Amino acid sequence: MKDKIIATVVILLIAVFTYLMVYAVWQESTSPKMELNKSEWECVKTETRITNVIIGGKLMPQSNQECVEYKRN
C-alpha cells in the first residue's frame, strides 16, 4: 500500500515537471520577437577589453576593441 502511494506521488511529480517544461517551451516560442538590422546601427563608443589566451602553454593577454554603445543611422 505504501509503495503504491509513493509510486503515484513520483508519477504525479514527473507529470507536473513535464507539463511545466512543455509550458515554458510553448511560452518562449509564442513570445514576441524583435529583430534589429546591423546595417541600421553604427558604433559610437568602443572600449579595449583584455582577455587571457593560452598560446604555447603560456597565458598571454590579448586586447580587443569592442563596441559598447551604438547609435541608429
N, C-alpha and C. Protein backbone atom coordinates (compact mmCIF):
# COMPACT_ATOMS: atom_id res chain seq x y z
N MET A 1 0.82 -1.19 0.00
CA MET A 1 0.00 0.00 0.00
C MET A 1 0.87 1.26 0.00
N LYS A 2 1.91 1.25 0.86
CA LYS A 2 2.79 2.41 0.96
C LYS A 2 3.58 2.59 -0.34
N ASP A 3 4.01 1.48 -0.96
CA ASP A 3 4.74 1.55 -2.23
C ASP A 3 3.87 2.12 -3.33
N LYS A 4 2.59 1.80 -3.31
CA LYS A 4 1.67 2.30 -4.33
C LYS A 4 1.51 3.82 -4.21
N ILE A 5 1.44 4.32 -3.00
CA ILE A 5 1.31 5.77 -2.78
C ILE A 5 2.57 6.49 -3.24
N ILE A 6 3.73 5.94 -2.91
CA ILE A 6 5.00 6.56 -3.32
C ILE A 6 5.11 6.57 -4.84
N ALA A 7 4.73 5.48 -5.49
CA ALA A 7 4.79 5.40 -6.95
C ALA A 7 3.84 6.42 -7.57
N THR A 8 2.67 6.58 -7.00
CA THR A 8 1.70 7.55 -7.50
C THR A 8 2.23 8.98 -7.36
N VAL A 9 2.86 9.28 -6.23
CA VAL A 9 3.42 10.61 -6.00
C VAL A 9 4.56 10.88 -6.98
N VAL A 10 5.42 9.91 -7.20
CA VAL A 10 6.53 10.08 -8.15
C VAL A 10 6.01 10.32 -9.56
N ILE A 11 5.02 9.54 -9.97
CA ILE A 11 4.43 9.71 -11.31
C ILE A 11 3.79 11.08 -11.42
N LEU A 12 3.11 11.52 -10.38
CA LEU A 12 2.48 12.84 -10.38
C LEU A 12 3.53 13.94 -10.49
N LEU A 13 4.63 13.82 -9.77
CA LEU A 13 5.70 14.82 -9.85
C LEU A 13 6.33 14.86 -11.24
N ILE A 14 6.53 13.71 -11.84
CA ILE A 14 7.09 13.66 -13.19
C ILE A 14 6.13 14.31 -14.18
N ALA A 15 4.84 14.06 -14.02
CA ALA A 15 3.85 14.65 -14.92
C ALA A 15 3.81 16.17 -14.77
N VAL A 16 3.86 16.66 -13.55
CA VAL A 16 3.85 18.11 -13.32
C VAL A 16 5.12 18.74 -13.89
N PHE A 17 6.26 18.13 -13.68
CA PHE A 17 7.51 18.65 -14.22
C PHE A 17 7.48 18.69 -15.75
N THR A 18 6.99 17.63 -16.35
CA THR A 18 6.89 17.57 -17.81
C THR A 18 5.95 18.66 -18.33
N TYR A 19 4.82 18.83 -17.67
CA TYR A 19 3.87 19.88 -18.06
C TYR A 19 4.52 21.26 -17.97
N LEU A 20 5.24 21.53 -16.90
CA LEU A 20 5.89 22.83 -16.74
C LEU A 20 6.96 23.07 -17.81
N MET A 21 7.70 22.04 -18.17
CA MET A 21 8.72 22.18 -19.21
C MET A 21 8.07 22.47 -20.57
N VAL A 22 7.02 21.74 -20.89
CA VAL A 22 6.31 21.96 -22.16
C VAL A 22 5.71 23.36 -22.18
N TYR A 23 5.14 23.80 -21.08
CA TYR A 23 4.56 25.14 -20.99
C TYR A 23 5.62 26.22 -21.17
N ALA A 24 6.79 26.04 -20.58
CA ALA A 24 7.87 27.02 -20.71
C ALA A 24 8.35 27.11 -22.16
N VAL A 25 8.48 25.98 -22.83
CA VAL A 25 8.90 25.98 -24.23
C VAL A 25 7.83 26.65 -25.09
N TRP A 26 6.57 26.38 -24.82
CA TRP A 26 5.48 27.00 -25.57
C TRP A 26 5.47 28.50 -25.36
N GLN A 27 5.65 28.95 -24.13
CA GLN A 27 5.68 30.39 -23.84
C GLN A 27 6.81 31.07 -24.61
N GLU A 28 7.97 30.45 -24.64
CA GLU A 28 9.13 31.04 -25.33
C GLU A 28 8.89 31.10 -26.83
N SER A 29 8.24 30.09 -27.37
CA SER A 29 8.02 30.08 -28.82
C SER A 29 6.94 31.05 -29.26
N THR A 30 6.04 31.42 -28.36
CA THR A 30 4.96 32.34 -28.73
C THR A 30 5.21 33.77 -28.27
N SER A 31 6.30 34.02 -27.57
CA SER A 31 6.57 35.38 -27.11
C SER A 31 7.00 36.26 -28.29
N PRO A 32 6.67 37.55 -28.24
CA PRO A 32 7.01 38.44 -29.36
C PRO A 32 8.52 38.60 -29.50
N LYS A 33 8.95 38.68 -30.74
CA LYS A 33 10.38 38.83 -31.03
C LYS A 33 10.60 40.17 -31.72
N MET A 34 11.80 40.71 -31.57
CA MET A 34 12.16 41.95 -32.22
C MET A 34 13.48 41.73 -32.95
N GLU A 35 13.55 42.13 -34.20
CA GLU A 35 14.77 41.97 -34.99
C GLU A 35 15.38 43.33 -35.25
N LEU A 36 16.70 43.38 -35.16
CA LEU A 36 17.45 44.60 -35.45
C LEU A 36 18.36 44.33 -36.64
N ASN A 37 18.41 45.27 -37.58
CA ASN A 37 19.31 45.16 -38.71
C ASN A 37 20.63 45.85 -38.35
N LYS A 38 21.71 45.11 -38.45
CA LYS A 38 23.02 45.64 -38.09
C LYS A 38 23.40 46.84 -38.96
N SER A 39 22.94 46.84 -40.21
CA SER A 39 23.29 47.94 -41.11
C SER A 39 22.66 49.26 -40.70
N GLU A 40 21.66 49.25 -39.84
CA GLU A 40 21.00 50.48 -39.41
C GLU A 40 21.68 51.12 -38.20
N TRP A 41 22.71 50.51 -37.67
CA TRP A 41 23.35 50.99 -36.46
C TRP A 41 24.84 51.23 -36.70
N GLU A 42 25.40 52.21 -36.00
CA GLU A 42 26.83 52.45 -36.08
C GLU A 42 27.40 52.57 -34.67
N CYS A 43 28.63 52.16 -34.53
CA CYS A 43 29.30 52.18 -33.24
C CYS A 43 29.75 53.61 -32.93
N VAL A 44 29.43 54.10 -31.73
CA VAL A 44 29.83 55.45 -31.34
C VAL A 44 30.81 55.45 -30.16
N LYS A 45 30.97 54.30 -29.53
CA LYS A 45 31.91 54.23 -28.40
C LYS A 45 32.49 52.82 -28.30
N THR A 46 33.82 52.74 -28.27
CA THR A 46 34.48 51.45 -28.12
C THR A 46 35.31 51.44 -26.85
N GLU A 47 35.55 50.26 -26.36
CA GLU A 47 36.41 50.07 -25.19
C GLU A 47 37.36 48.92 -25.48
N THR A 48 38.53 49.00 -24.88
CA THR A 48 39.51 47.92 -25.01
C THR A 48 39.22 46.88 -23.94
N ARG A 49 39.02 45.66 -24.37
CA ARG A 49 38.79 44.54 -23.45
C ARG A 49 40.00 43.62 -23.52
N ILE A 50 40.47 43.23 -22.36
CA ILE A 50 41.63 42.34 -22.30
C ILE A 50 41.16 40.96 -21.86
N THR A 51 41.51 39.96 -22.67
CA THR A 51 41.20 38.58 -22.34
C THR A 51 42.50 37.79 -22.33
N ASN A 52 42.53 36.75 -21.56
CA ASN A 52 43.71 35.90 -21.48
C ASN A 52 43.53 34.70 -22.39
N VAL A 53 44.55 34.43 -23.21
CA VAL A 53 44.53 33.34 -24.16
C VAL A 53 45.75 32.46 -23.91
N ILE A 54 45.57 31.15 -23.99
CA ILE A 54 46.70 30.24 -23.82
C ILE A 54 47.35 30.02 -25.18
N ILE A 55 48.62 30.42 -25.28
CA ILE A 55 49.39 30.25 -26.51
C ILE A 55 50.68 29.51 -26.15
N GLY A 56 50.85 28.35 -26.72
CA GLY A 56 52.04 27.55 -26.45
C GLY A 56 52.19 27.17 -24.99
N GLY A 57 51.08 26.97 -24.30
CA GLY A 57 51.11 26.58 -22.90
C GLY A 57 51.28 27.74 -21.94
N LYS A 58 51.37 28.97 -22.46
CA LYS A 58 51.52 30.15 -21.61
C LYS A 58 50.27 31.01 -21.71
N LEU A 59 49.93 31.64 -20.62
CA LEU A 59 48.78 32.53 -20.58
C LEU A 59 49.22 33.92 -21.03
N MET A 60 48.65 34.37 -22.16
CA MET A 60 49.04 35.65 -22.75
C MET A 60 47.84 36.58 -22.80
N PRO A 61 48.01 37.85 -22.40
CA PRO A 61 46.89 38.80 -22.52
C PRO A 61 46.68 39.20 -23.98
N GLN A 62 45.43 39.37 -24.36
CA GLN A 62 45.10 39.78 -25.71
C GLN A 62 44.05 40.89 -25.61
N SER A 63 44.31 42.00 -26.29
CA SER A 63 43.36 43.11 -26.23
C SER A 63 42.52 43.16 -27.50
N ASN A 64 41.25 43.49 -27.32
CA ASN A 64 40.30 43.60 -28.42
C ASN A 64 39.50 44.89 -28.24
N GLN A 65 39.20 45.55 -29.36
CA GLN A 65 38.32 46.71 -29.33
C GLN A 65 36.89 46.20 -29.49
N GLU A 66 36.04 46.52 -28.52
CA GLU A 66 34.65 46.09 -28.58
C GLU A 66 33.74 47.31 -28.47
N CYS A 67 32.71 47.32 -29.29
CA CYS A 67 31.75 48.41 -29.26
C CYS A 67 30.86 48.25 -28.02
N VAL A 68 30.69 49.35 -27.29
CA VAL A 68 29.85 49.31 -26.10
C VAL A 68 28.65 50.24 -26.21
N GLU A 69 28.60 51.05 -27.29
CA GLU A 69 27.45 51.94 -27.47
C GLU A 69 27.20 52.12 -28.96
N TYR A 70 25.94 51.99 -29.35
CA TYR A 70 25.54 52.11 -30.74
C TYR A 70 24.56 53.28 -30.90
N LYS A 71 24.54 53.83 -32.12
CA LYS A 71 23.59 54.89 -32.46
C LYS A 71 22.94 54.49 -33.77
N ARG A 72 21.64 54.77 -33.88
CA ARG A 72 20.92 54.43 -35.12
C ARG A 72 21.25 55.44 -36.21
N ASN A 73 21.50 54.96 -37.42
CA ASN A 73 21.81 55.83 -38.56
C ASN A 73 20.66 56.74 -38.88
